[in-house]
Structure formats: C-alpha cells, structure tokens
Amino acid sequence: MRIIEGKVVSVKMQGVVVVEVRRKISHPLYKKLINKRKKYKAAVGDMTVSLGDKVKIAETRPLSKDTHFRLLEVIKQ
C-alpha cells in the first residue's frame, strides 16, 4: 500500500478531493533537480477537508474510473 503526502487543490466534487503531489527528481543526464507534480483523486469518506490542506492519501482498490486513493488523515489545515 502506497502512502503519499500532498496538498488539496480542489474540493468541488461530492465525496472526492483532488490532491497535488510535488516531488523533486534528478535529471538522468544533467543531474539538475526538476520539480514534478501529479494530481490524484481521493475519496474523502466522512472527513471534512478544505482547500489548501496538507493530507495523507493511501492507494486502494479502484473506487471509480479515476479514483484509486482514499484519504487517511489531514496533517495540517
């Protein structure tokens, strides 16, 4: 089970939030640090989340076409 930390960037859907995960990787040839970002849809359940919260999400079985993560906890509001 993969656990990822990210920032909530959208709360417009019902029961689902969009979490943006940022990470830094080294370029394979030039060794310069590159910022990568990816957005994941996560099921909220009965938690209350607002825009800009830092959260932990965990990989789970497919809940819908795009939703493959669920919200574990809100780290910082």
PDB file of N, CA and C in Angstrom:
ATOM      1  N   MET A   1       0.845  -1.185   0.000  1.00  0.00           N
ATOM      2  CA  MET A   1       0.000   0.000   0.000  1.00  0.00           C
ATOM      3  C   MET A   1       0.885   1.240   0.000  1.00  0.00           C
ATOM      4  N   ARG A   2       0.675   2.095  -0.968  1.00  0.00           N
ATOM      5  CA  ARG A   2       1.459   3.308  -1.115  1.00  0.00           C
ATOM      6  C   ARG A   2       0.789   4.445  -0.347  1.00  0.00           C
ATOM      7  N   ILE A   3       1.569   5.175   0.461  1.00  0.00           N
ATOM      8  CA  ILE A   3       1.054   6.329   1.196  1.00  0.00           C
ATOM      9  C   ILE A   3       1.801   7.561   0.708  1.00  0.00           C
ATOM     10  N   ILE A   4       1.036   8.597   0.318  1.00  0.00           N
ATOM     11  CA  ILE A   4       1.602   9.803  -0.290  1.00  0.00           C
ATOM     12  C   ILE A   4       1.094  11.027   0.449  1.00  0.00           C
ATOM     13  N   GLU A   5       1.948  12.043   0.580  1.00  0.00           N
ATOM     14  CA  GLU A   5       1.532  13.329   1.149  1.00  0.00           C
ATOM     15  C   GLU A   5       1.374  14.341   0.033  1.00  0.00           C
ATOM     16  N   GLY A   6       0.339  15.181   0.153  1.00  0.00           N
ATOM     17  CA  GLY A   6       0.111  16.192  -0.858  1.00  0.00           C
ATOM     18  C   GLY A   6      -0.780  17.303  -0.339  1.00  0.00           C
ATOM     19  N   LYS A   7      -1.120  18.218  -1.245  1.00  0.00           N
ATOM     20  CA  LYS A   7      -1.922  19.394  -0.914  1.00  0.00           C
ATOM     21  C   LYS A   7      -3.244  19.333  -1.679  1.00  0.00           C
ATOM     22  N   VAL A   8      -4.336  19.653  -1.003  1.00  0.00           N
ATOM     23  CA  VAL A   8      -5.654  19.630  -1.626  1.00  0.00           C
ATOM     24  C   VAL A   8      -5.784  20.853  -2.534  1.00  0.00           C
ATOM     25  N   VAL A   9      -6.094  20.604  -3.822  1.00  0.00           N
ATOM     26  CA  VAL A   9      -6.221  21.707  -4.778  1.00  0.00           C
ATOM     27  C   VAL A   9      -7.644  21.882  -5.288  1.00  0.00           C
ATOM     28  N   SER A  10      -8.539  20.915  -5.009  1.00  0.00           N
ATOM     29  CA  SER A  10      -9.935  21.050  -5.435  1.00  0.00           C
ATOM     30  C   SER A  10     -10.838  20.251  -4.514  1.00  0.00           C
ATOM     31  N   VAL A  11     -11.948  20.877  -4.120  1.00  0.00           N
ATOM     32  CA  VAL A  11     -12.953  20.204  -3.287  1.00  0.00           C
ATOM     33  C   VAL A  11     -14.336  20.324  -3.933  1.00  0.00           C
ATOM     34  N   LYS A  12     -14.388  20.462  -5.247  1.00  0.00           N
ATOM     35  CA  LYS A  12     -15.642  20.733  -5.937  1.00  0.00           C
ATOM     36  C   LYS A  12     -16.507  19.495  -6.150  1.00  0.00           C
ATOM     37  N   MET A  13     -15.911  18.318  -6.121  1.00  0.00           N
ATOM     38  CA  MET A  13     -16.691  17.098  -6.347  1.00  0.00           C
ATOM     39  C   MET A  13     -17.296  16.593  -5.042  1.00  0.00           C
ATOM     40  N   GLN A  14     -18.319  15.803  -5.172  1.00  0.00           N
ATOM     41  CA  GLN A  14     -19.018  15.290  -3.999  1.00  0.00           C
ATOM     42  C   GLN A  14     -18.323  14.019  -3.507  1.00  0.00           C
ATOM     43  N   GLY A  15     -17.740  14.088  -2.308  1.00  0.00           N
ATOM     44  CA  GLY A  15     -17.080  12.927  -1.721  1.00  0.00           C
ATOM     45  C   GLY A  15     -15.684  12.651  -2.233  1.00  0.00           C
ATOM     46  N   VAL A  16     -15.158  13.507  -3.099  1.00  0.00           N
ATOM     47  CA  VAL A  16     -13.835  13.307  -3.690  1.00  0.00           C
ATOM     48  C   VAL A  16     -13.075  14.628  -3.683  1.00  0.00           C
ATOM     49  N   VAL A  17     -11.777  14.568  -3.387  1.00  0.00           N
ATOM     50  CA  VAL A  17     -10.919  15.744  -3.467  1.00  0.00           C
ATOM     51  C   VAL A  17      -9.776  15.447  -4.433  1.00  0.00           C
ATOM     52  N   VAL A  18      -9.194  16.506  -4.986  1.00  0.00           N
ATOM     53  CA  VAL A  18      -8.026  16.366  -5.849  1.00  0.00           C
ATOM     54  C   VAL A  18      -6.811  16.788  -5.037  1.00  0.00           C
ATOM     55  N   VAL A  19      -5.826  15.904  -4.968  1.00  0.00           N
ATOM     56  CA  VAL A  19      -4.615  16.143  -4.179  1.00  0.00           C
ATOM     57  C   VAL A  19      -3.432  16.239  -5.143  1.00  0.00           C
ATOM     58  N   GLU A  20      -2.661  17.329  -5.021  1.00  0.00           N
ATOM     59  CA  GLU A  20      -1.480  17.514  -5.847  1.00  0.00           C
ATOM     60  C   GLU A  20      -0.251  17.099  -5.055  1.00  0.00           C
ATOM     61  N   VAL A  21       0.532  16.199  -5.638  1.00  0.00           N
ATOM     62  CA  VAL A  21       1.747  15.705  -5.002  1.00  0.00           C
ATOM     63  C   VAL A  21       2.941  16.260  -5.770  1.00  0.00           C
ATOM     64  N   ARG A  22       3.825  16.955  -5.068  1.00  0.00           N
ATOM     65  CA  ARG A  22       5.032  17.510  -5.678  1.00  0.00           C
ATOM     66  C   ARG A  22       6.240  16.730  -5.196  1.00  0.00           C
ATOM     67  N   ARG A  23       7.178  16.471  -6.121  1.00  0.00           N
ATOM     68  CA  ARG A  23       8.418  15.802  -5.750  1.00  0.00           C
ATOM     69  C   ARG A  23       9.553  16.322  -6.607  1.00  0.00           C
ATOM     70  N   LYS A  24      10.764  16.182  -6.116  1.00  0.00           N
ATOM     71  CA  LYS A  24      11.944  16.609  -6.858  1.00  0.00           C
ATOM     72  C   LYS A  24      12.714  15.377  -7.294  1.00  0.00           C
ATOM     73  N   ILE A  25      13.070  15.350  -8.580  1.00  0.00           N
ATOM     74  CA  ILE A  25      13.882  14.247  -9.088  1.00  0.00           C
ATOM     75  C   ILE A  25      15.119  14.827  -9.752  1.00  0.00           C
ATOM     76  N   SER A  26      16.128  14.015  -9.865  1.00  0.00           N
ATOM     77  CA  SER A  26      17.354  14.416 -10.534  1.00  0.00           C
ATOM     78  C   SER A  26      17.266  14.013 -11.999  1.00  0.00           C
ATOM     79  N   HIS A  27      17.629  14.919 -12.886  1.00  0.00           N
ATOM     80  CA  HIS A  27      17.617  14.622 -14.311  1.00  0.00           C
ATOM     81  C   HIS A  27      18.648  13.525 -14.588  1.00  0.00           C
ATOM     82  N   PRO A  28      18.284  12.512 -15.383  1.00  0.00           N
ATOM     83  CA  PRO A  28      19.197  11.385 -15.562  1.00  0.00           C
ATOM     84  C   PRO A  28      20.545  11.741 -16.201  1.00  0.00           C
ATOM     85  N   LEU A  29      20.559  12.718 -17.082  1.00  0.00           N
ATOM     86  CA  LEU A  29      21.805  13.067 -17.765  1.00  0.00           C
ATOM     87  C   LEU A  29      22.492  14.274 -17.143  1.00  0.00           C
ATOM     88  N   TYR A  30      21.725  15.354 -16.893  1.00  0.00           N
ATOM     89  CA  TYR A  30      22.317  16.615 -16.454  1.00  0.00           C
ATOM     90  C   TYR A  30      22.370  16.780 -14.941  1.00  0.00           C
ATOM     91  N   LYS A  31      21.727  15.898 -14.197  1.00  0.00           N
ATOM     92  CA  LYS A  31      21.757  15.881 -12.725  1.00  0.00           C
ATOM     93  C   LYS A  31      21.182  17.134 -12.077  1.00  0.00           C
ATOM     94  N   LYS A  32      20.411  17.907 -12.825  1.00  0.00           N
ATOM     95  CA  LYS A  32      19.752  19.079 -12.255  1.00  0.00           C
ATOM     96  C   LYS A  32      18.441  18.625 -11.614  1.00  0.00           C
ATOM     97  N   LEU A  33      18.079  19.245 -10.485  1.00  0.00           N
ATOM     98  CA  LEU A  33      16.826  18.895  -9.822  1.00  0.00           C
ATOM     99  C   LEU A  33      15.650  19.467 -10.600  1.00  0.00           C
ATOM    100  N   ILE A  34      14.655  18.623 -10.820  1.00  0.00           N
ATOM    101  CA  ILE A  34      13.461  19.013 -11.563  1.00  0.00           C
ATOM    102  C   ILE A  34      12.256  18.813 -10.660  1.00  0.00           C
ATOM    103  N   ASN A  35      11.343  19.795 -10.652  1.00  0.00           N
ATOM    104  CA  ASN A  35      10.103  19.671  -9.888  1.00  0.00           C
ATOM    105  C   ASN A  35       9.066  18.941 -10.727  1.00  0.00           C
ATOM    106  N   LYS A  36       8.542  17.843 -10.184  1.00  0.00           N
ATOM    107  CA  LYS A  36       7.473  17.104 -10.841  1.00  0.00           C
ATOM    108  C   LYS A  36       6.230  17.213  -9.977  1.00  0.00           C
ATOM    109  N   ARG A  37       5.059  17.222 -10.599  1.00  0.00           N
ATOM    110  CA  ARG A  37       3.812  17.249  -9.850  1.00  0.00           C
ATOM    111  C   ARG A  37       2.802  16.345 -10.538  1.00  0.00           C
ATOM    112  N   LYS A  38       1.944  15.754  -9.720  1.00  0.00           N
ATOM    113  CA  LYS A  38       0.897  14.896 -10.248  1.00  0.00           C
ATOM    114  C   LYS A  38      -0.331  15.057  -9.377  1.00  0.00           C
ATOM    115  N   LYS A  39      -1.498  14.966 -10.002  1.00  0.00           N
ATOM    116  CA  LYS A  39      -2.748  15.116  -9.274  1.00  0.00           C
ATOM    117  C   LYS A  39      -3.438  13.761  -9.150  1.00  0.00           C
ATOM    118  N   TYR A  40      -3.912  13.477  -7.948  1.00  0.00           N
ATOM    119  CA  TYR A  40      -4.627  12.243  -7.665  1.00  0.00           C
ATOM    120  C   TYR A  40      -6.011  12.588  -7.123  1.00  0.00           C
ATOM    121  N   LYS A  41      -7.002  11.790  -7.487  1.00  0.00           N
ATOM    122  CA  LYS A  41      -8.336  11.939  -6.906  1.00  0.00           C
ATOM    123  C   LYS A  41      -8.449  10.965  -5.740  1.00  0.00           C
ATOM    124  N   ALA A  42      -8.917  11.464  -4.598  1.00  0.00           N
ATOM    125  CA  ALA A  42      -9.002  10.641  -3.393  1.00  0.00           C
ATOM    126  C   ALA A  42     -10.397  10.744  -2.796  1.00  0.00           C
ATOM    127  N   ALA A  43     -10.923   9.613  -2.361  1.00  0.00           N
ATOM    128  CA  ALA A  43     -12.221   9.572  -1.698  1.00  0.00           C
ATOM    129  C   ALA A  43     -12.069  10.098  -0.280  1.00  0.00           C
ATOM    130  N   VAL A  44     -13.009  10.942   0.139  1.00  0.00           N
ATOM    131  CA  VAL A  44     -12.913  11.610   1.431  1.00  0.00           C
ATOM    132  C   VAL A  44     -13.558  10.796   2.540  1.00  0.00           C
ATOM    133  N   GLY A  45     -14.681  10.178   2.287  1.00  0.00           N
ATOM    134  CA  GLY A  45     -15.420   9.485   3.342  1.00  0.00           C
ATOM    135  C   GLY A  45     -16.194  10.500   4.169  1.00  0.00           C
ATOM    136  N   ASP A  46     -16.067  10.438   5.502  1.00  0.00           N
ATOM    137  CA  ASP A  46     -16.807  11.364   6.370  1.00  0.00           C
ATOM    138  C   ASP A  46     -15.927  12.474   6.934  1.00  0.00           C
ATOM    139  N   MET A  47     -14.702  12.633   6.413  1.00  0.00           N
ATOM    140  CA  MET A  47     -13.803  13.697   6.888  1.00  0.00           C
ATOM    141  C   MET A  47     -14.164  15.026   6.237  1.00  0.00           C
ATOM    142  N   THR A  48     -13.808  16.113   6.917  1.00  0.00           N
ATOM    143  CA  THR A  48     -14.000  17.444   6.343  1.00  0.00           C
ATOM    144  C   THR A  48     -12.638  17.978   5.926  1.00  0.00           C
ATOM    145  N   VAL A  49     -12.554  18.370   4.671  1.00  0.00           N
ATOM    146  CA  VAL A  49     -11.297  18.853   4.096  1.00  0.00           C
ATOM    147  C   VAL A  49     -11.579  20.167   3.394  1.00  0.00           C
ATOM    148  N   SER A  50     -10.652  21.103   3.504  1.00  0.00           N
ATOM    149  CA  SER A  50     -10.805  22.377   2.798  1.00  0.00           C
ATOM    150  C   SER A  50      -9.616  22.589   1.869  1.00  0.00           C
ATOM    151  N   LEU A  51      -9.745  23.572   1.027  1.00  0.00           N
ATOM    152  CA  LEU A  51      -8.725  23.889   0.032  1.00  0.00           C
ATOM    153  C   LEU A  51      -7.418  24.276   0.712  1.00  0.00           C
ATOM    154  N   GLY A  52      -6.303  23.724   0.254  1.00  0.00           N
ATOM    155  CA  GLY A  52      -5.001  24.073   0.795  1.00  0.00           C
ATOM    156  C   GLY A  52      -4.523  23.205   1.940  1.00  0.00           C
ATOM    157  N   ASP A  53      -5.344  22.271   2.408  1.00  0.00           N
ATOM    158  CA  ASP A  53      -4.937  21.375   3.496  1.00  0.00           C
ATOM    159  C   ASP A  53      -3.849  20.417   3.021  1.00  0.00           C
ATOM    160  N   LYS A  54      -2.934  20.075   3.923  1.00  0.00           N
ATOM    161  CA  LYS A  54      -1.929  19.066   3.640  1.00  0.00           C
ATOM    162  C   LYS A  54      -2.478  17.743   4.164  1.00  0.00           C
ATOM    163  N   VAL A  55      -2.511  16.715   3.297  1.00  0.00           N
ATOM    164  CA  VAL A  55      -3.164  15.459   3.646  1.00  0.00           C
ATOM    165  C   VAL A  55      -2.284  14.260   3.285  1.00  0.00           C
ATOM    166  N   LYS A  56      -2.626  13.108   3.869  1.00  0.00           N
ATOM    167  CA  LYS A  56      -2.022  11.834   3.513  1.00  0.00           C
ATOM    168  C   LYS A  56      -3.083  11.005   2.806  1.00  0.00           C
ATOM    169  N   ILE A  57      -2.717  10.416   1.656  1.00  0.00           N
ATOM    170  CA  ILE A  57      -3.633   9.549   0.934  1.00  0.00           C
ATOM    171  C   ILE A  57      -2.984   8.175   0.764  1.00  0.00           C
ATOM    172  N   ALA A  58      -3.819   7.145   0.667  1.00  0.00           N
ATOM    173  CA  ALA A  58      -3.328   5.780   0.524  1.00  0.00           C
ATOM    174  C   ALA A  58      -3.960   5.130  -0.693  1.00  0.00           C
ATOM    175  N   GLU A  59      -3.178   4.318  -1.381  1.00  0.00           N
ATOM    176  CA  GLU A  59      -3.668   3.611  -2.555  1.00  0.00           C
ATOM    177  C   GLU A  59      -4.649   2.521  -2.121  1.00  0.00           C
ATOM    178  N   THR A  60      -5.694   2.355  -2.903  1.00  0.00           N
ATOM    179  CA  THR A  60      -6.722   1.369  -2.591  1.00  0.00           C
ATOM    180  C   THR A  60      -7.255   0.777  -3.891  1.00  0.00           C
ATOM    181  N   ARG A  61      -8.219  -0.102  -3.786  1.00  0.00           N
ATOM    182  CA  ARG A  61      -8.837  -0.667  -4.988  1.00  0.00           C
ATOM    183  C   ARG A  61      -9.530   0.447  -5.765  1.00  0.00           C
ATOM    184  N   PRO A  62      -9.769   0.285  -7.057  1.00  0.00           N
ATOM    185  CA  PRO A  62     -10.463   1.324  -7.812  1.00  0.00           C
ATOM    186  C   PRO A  62     -11.866   1.573  -7.260  1.00  0.00           C
ATOM    187  N   LEU A  63     -12.129   2.817  -6.885  1.00  0.00           N
ATOM    188  CA  LEU A  63     -13.439   3.195  -6.364  1.00  0.00           C
ATOM    189  C   LEU A  63     -14.333   3.742  -7.467  1.00  0.00           C
ATOM    190  N   SER A  64     -13.719   4.254  -8.523  1.00  0.00           N
ATOM    191  CA  SER A  64     -14.447   4.709  -9.711  1.00  0.00           C
ATOM    192  C   SER A  64     -13.438   4.714 -10.858  1.00  0.00           C
ATOM    193  N   LYS A  65     -13.802   5.328 -11.965  1.00  0.00           N
ATOM    194  CA  LYS A  65     -12.917   5.354 -13.127  1.00  0.00           C
ATOM    195  C   LYS A  65     -11.581   6.024 -12.814  1.00  0.00           C
ATOM    196  N   ASP A  66     -11.603   7.143 -12.081  1.00  0.00           N
ATOM    197  CA  ASP A  66     -10.388   7.909 -11.805  1.00  0.00           C
ATOM    198  C   ASP A  66      -9.917   7.823 -10.358  1.00  0.00           C
ATOM    199  N   THR A  67     -10.761   7.413  -9.447  1.00  0.00           N
ATOM    200  CA  THR A  67     -10.439   7.444  -8.016  1.00  0.00           C
ATOM    201  C   THR A  67      -9.830   6.116  -7.573  1.00  0.00           C
ATOM    202  N   HIS A  68      -8.526   6.152  -7.222  1.00  0.00           N
ATOM    203  CA  HIS A  68      -7.820   4.960  -6.768  1.00  0.00           C
ATOM    204  C   HIS A  68      -7.136   5.189  -5.426  1.00  0.00           C
ATOM    205  N   PHE A  69      -7.463   6.275  -4.756  1.00  0.00           N
ATOM    206  CA  PHE A  69      -6.873   6.599  -3.463  1.00  0.00           C
ATOM    207  C   PHE A  69      -7.969   6.960  -2.476  1.00  0.00           C
ATOM    208  N   ARG A  70      -7.670   6.840  -1.196  1.00  0.00           N
ATOM    209  CA  ARG A  70      -8.591   7.291  -0.152  1.00  0.00           C
ATOM    210  C   ARG A  70      -7.804   8.153   0.818  1.00  0.00           C
ATOM    211  N   LEU A  71      -8.507   9.055   1.485  1.00  0.00           N
ATOM    212  CA  LEU A  71      -7.891   9.983   2.414  1.00  0.00           C
ATOM    213  C   LEU A  71      -7.641   9.275   3.741  1.00  0.00           C
ATOM    214  N   LEU A  72      -6.401   9.358   4.243  1.00  0.00           N
ATOM    215  CA  LEU A  72      -6.069   8.763   5.536  1.00  0.00           C
ATOM    216  C   LEU A  72      -6.243   9.765   6.664  1.00  0.00           C
ATOM    217  N   GLU A  73      -5.570  10.921   6.526  1.00  0.00           N
ATOM    218  CA  GLU A  73      -5.636  11.925   7.590  1.00  0.00           C
ATOM    219  C   GLU A  73      -5.297  13.303   7.038  1.00  0.00           C
ATOM    220  N   VAL A  74      -5.759  14.313   7.778  1.00  0.00           N
ATOM    221  CA  VAL A  74      -5.405  15.697   7.476  1.00  0.00           C
ATOM    222  C   VAL A  74      -4.227  16.058   8.385  1.00  0.00           C
ATOM    223  N   ILE A  75      -3.092  16.388   7.783  1.00  0.00           N
ATOM    224  CA  ILE A  75      -1.884  16.687   8.546  1.00  0.00           C
ATOM    225  C   ILE A  75      -1.920  18.123   9.076  1.00  0.00           C
ATOM    226  N   LYS A  76      -2.230  19.060   8.160  1.00  0.00           N
ATOM    227  CA  LYS A  76      -2.182  20.483   8.523  1.00  0.00           C
ATOM    228  C   LYS A  76      -3.289  21.209   7.801  1.00  0.00           C
ATOM    229  N   GLN A  77      -4.038  22.030   8.545  1.00  0.00           N
ATOM    230  CA  GLN A  77      -5.129  22.785   7.908  1.00  0.00           C
ATOM    231  C   GLN A  77      -4.719  24.191   7.610  1.00  0.00           C
TER     232      GLN A  77
END
